[in-house]
Amino acid sequence: MSLKTKRLVNLYEERMLEFLQTCVEDNFKIHTQVSLSQFCELNSNLDWELKNFFFSSSVDALITDYDYKPCLVVDFQSSYHDSLEAKERDRKKATLLTLAGVPLLYSRVRDFGLLHLYSKDEEVVFNLFTGERRENAKALIKKYCEQSVFANI
């Protein structure tokens, strides 16, 4: 049996991480493929299904403050997330992050280069080719990071 290394992120994830890096200041850090159990503590009141999912799930991008406290999770969506099974996993992840008090944004490229950043309450669309509304997308990311810093003061 042999073992070899593989790339940590795919090209879409790489582009999203590069974009996120332009949105946050130097006092924030971006971590990839982080297990929920690394930055959330388990509550014994969770039902069995959520507890089981908790230990087997990770997030695509976690933004932390200078003290490594979680500010924002960005989950990269693709057509893979359209299946019923993936939607159920996304629902569980959103539930756990809500319980932990960590905001969640989804990112998805649609319609030939339009990047959608969205939560259950808001959405920003940014044109990857022309750069139109880039500042709106950056402002959305910054808003969540800044809210987290002020919440910890």
Protein backbone atom coordinates (compact mmCIF):
# COMPACT_ATOMS: atom_id res chain seq x y z
CA MET A 1 0.00 0.00 0.00
CA SER A 2 1.26 3.47 -0.78
CA LEU A 3 0.33 6.86 0.54
CA LYS A 4 0.84 10.16 -1.17
CA THR A 5 -0.06 13.73 -0.48
CA LYS A 6 -2.84 15.57 -2.21
CA ARG A 7 -3.84 19.16 -2.56
CA LEU A 8 -5.70 20.55 0.46
CA VAL A 9 -8.14 22.64 -1.62
CA ASN A 10 -9.49 22.54 -5.14
CA LEU A 11 -9.15 25.46 -7.58
CA TYR A 12 -12.54 26.95 -6.68
CA GLU A 13 -11.69 26.83 -2.98
CA GLU A 14 -8.30 28.38 -3.72
CA ARG A 15 -9.92 31.32 -5.53
CA MET A 16 -12.42 31.78 -2.70
CA LEU A 17 -9.66 31.76 -0.11
CA GLU A 18 -7.71 34.32 -2.12
CA PHE A 19 -10.82 36.52 -2.28
CA LEU A 20 -11.45 36.14 1.46
CA GLN A 21 -7.87 37.14 2.18
CA THR A 22 -8.48 40.45 0.37
CA CYS A 23 -11.54 41.03 2.59
CA VAL A 24 -9.95 40.68 6.00
CA GLU A 25 -7.27 42.73 7.63
CA ASP A 26 -3.98 41.40 8.95
CA ASN A 27 -5.39 40.87 12.43
CA PHE A 28 -7.73 38.14 11.12
CA LYS A 29 -6.67 34.66 10.08
CA ILE A 30 -8.25 32.27 7.59
CA HIS A 31 -8.15 28.54 8.27
CA THR A 32 -9.26 25.86 5.82
CA GLN A 33 -10.95 22.51 6.26
CA VAL A 34 -11.43 22.91 10.01
CA SER A 35 -13.38 20.34 11.99
CA LEU A 36 -16.34 21.72 13.94
CA SER A 37 -14.98 20.01 17.03
CA GLN A 38 -11.80 22.11 16.80
CA PHE A 39 -13.56 25.42 17.36
CA CYS A 40 -16.89 24.52 19.01
CA GLU A 41 -17.53 22.84 22.33
CA LEU A 42 -20.09 20.08 22.49
CA ASN A 43 -23.22 20.66 24.54
CA SER A 44 -24.52 17.51 26.19
CA ASN A 45 -28.10 18.58 25.43
CA LEU A 46 -27.69 17.98 21.70
CA ASP A 47 -29.65 15.13 20.21
CA TRP A 48 -27.75 12.03 19.08
CA GLU A 49 -27.95 12.87 15.37
CA LEU A 50 -26.39 16.33 15.81
CA LYS A 51 -23.74 14.99 18.21
CA ASN A 52 -22.72 12.36 15.68
CA PHE A 53 -22.60 14.93 12.88
CA PHE A 54 -20.60 17.32 15.08
CA PHE A 55 -17.61 14.98 15.17
CA SER A 56 -17.65 14.17 11.46
CA SER A 57 -18.15 17.61 9.95
CA SER A 58 -15.78 20.38 8.92
CA VAL A 59 -16.06 23.84 7.42
CA ASP A 60 -14.41 25.11 4.26
CA ALA A 61 -13.13 28.39 5.70
CA LEU A 62 -13.03 29.67 9.25
CA ILE A 63 -12.05 33.27 9.89
CA THR A 64 -10.72 33.97 13.37
CA ASP A 65 -9.63 37.13 15.12
CA TYR A 66 -6.09 37.84 16.29
CA ASP A 67 -6.75 35.68 19.37
CA TYR A 68 -8.00 32.73 17.26
CA LYS A 69 -11.61 33.22 18.31
CA PRO A 70 -14.08 32.28 15.54
CA CYS A 71 -15.62 35.23 13.68
CA LEU A 72 -17.17 33.73 10.57
CA VAL A 73 -17.53 30.48 8.65
CA VAL A 74 -17.73 30.57 4.87
CA ASP A 75 -19.01 27.38 3.28
CA PHE A 76 -18.23 26.97 -0.42
CA GLN A 77 -21.24 25.66 -2.32
CA SER A 78 -21.36 23.88 -5.67
CA SER A 79 -23.95 21.86 -7.53
CA TYR A 80 -22.93 18.98 -5.25
CA HIS A 81 -24.78 20.80 -2.46
CA ASP A 82 -28.06 20.56 -4.39
CA SER A 83 -28.60 16.91 -3.45
CA LEU A 84 -31.00 16.11 -0.61
CA GLU A 85 -28.21 14.48 1.42
CA ALA A 86 -25.95 17.52 1.07
CA LYS A 87 -28.79 19.89 1.96
CA GLU A 88 -29.40 17.88 5.13
CA ARG A 89 -25.70 18.06 6.06
CA ASP A 90 -25.74 21.81 5.38
CA ARG A 91 -28.82 22.18 7.60
CA LYS A 92 -27.14 20.33 10.45
CA LYS A 93 -23.96 22.38 10.10
CA ALA A 94 -25.97 25.62 10.10
CA THR A 95 -27.85 24.47 13.22
CA LEU A 96 -24.63 23.69 15.08
CA LEU A 97 -23.01 26.98 14.09
CA THR A 98 -26.11 28.89 15.16
CA LEU A 99 -26.02 27.14 18.55
CA ALA A 100 -22.33 28.06 18.87
CA GLY A 101 -22.99 31.68 17.87
CA VAL A 102 -20.71 31.59 14.82
CA PRO A 103 -22.11 33.35 11.74
CA LEU A 104 -22.27 31.37 8.50
CA LEU A 105 -22.09 32.63 4.94
CA TYR A 106 -22.36 30.53 1.84
CA SER A 107 -20.50 31.27 -1.38
CA ARG A 108 -21.51 29.98 -4.77
CA VAL A 109 -20.58 30.92 -8.32
CA ARG A 110 -23.57 31.03 -10.66
CA ASP A 111 -24.55 32.49 -13.98
CA PHE A 112 -21.14 32.65 -15.63
CA GLY A 113 -19.01 34.29 -12.99
CA LEU A 114 -21.39 35.82 -10.49
CA LEU A 115 -20.27 35.08 -6.95
CA HIS A 116 -23.17 34.91 -4.52
CA LEU A 117 -22.34 35.42 -0.84
CA TYR A 118 -25.42 34.75 1.24
CA SER A 119 -26.91 33.81 4.55
CA LYS A 120 -30.50 33.16 5.50
CA ASP A 121 -30.94 36.94 5.92
CA GLU A 122 -28.91 38.63 3.20
CA GLU A 123 -27.16 38.21 -0.14
CA VAL A 124 -24.51 40.06 -2.10
CA VAL A 125 -23.69 39.26 -5.72
CA PHE A 126 -20.23 40.10 -7.04
CA ASN A 127 -19.17 39.84 -10.69
CA LEU A 128 -15.86 37.99 -10.77
CA PHE A 129 -15.05 39.18 -14.31
CA THR A 130 -15.82 42.90 -14.09
CA GLY A 131 -15.31 43.38 -10.36
CA GLU A 132 -18.73 45.03 -10.11
CA ARG A 133 -20.01 45.01 -6.51
CA ARG A 134 -16.71 43.65 -5.19
CA GLU A 135 -16.75 46.27 -2.44
CA ASN A 136 -20.20 45.08 -1.35
CA ALA A 137 -18.91 41.52 -1.01
CA LYS A 138 -15.84 42.67 0.92
CA ALA A 139 -18.03 44.81 3.18
CA LEU A 140 -20.22 41.82 4.02
CA ILE A 141 -17.22 39.73 5.10
CA LYS A 142 -15.73 42.63 7.07
CA LYS A 143 -19.06 43.29 8.80
CA TYR A 144 -19.13 39.81 10.33
CA CYS A 145 -15.49 39.94 11.35
CA GLU A 146 -15.87 43.36 12.98
CA GLN A 147 -19.09 42.33 14.76
CA SER A 148 -17.24 39.43 16.32
CA VAL A 149 -14.37 41.61 17.54
CA PHE A 150 -16.78 44.08 19.12
CA ALA A 151 -18.75 41.26 20.73
CA ASN A 152 -15.58 40.07 22.47
CA ILE A 153 -14.72 43.49 23.94
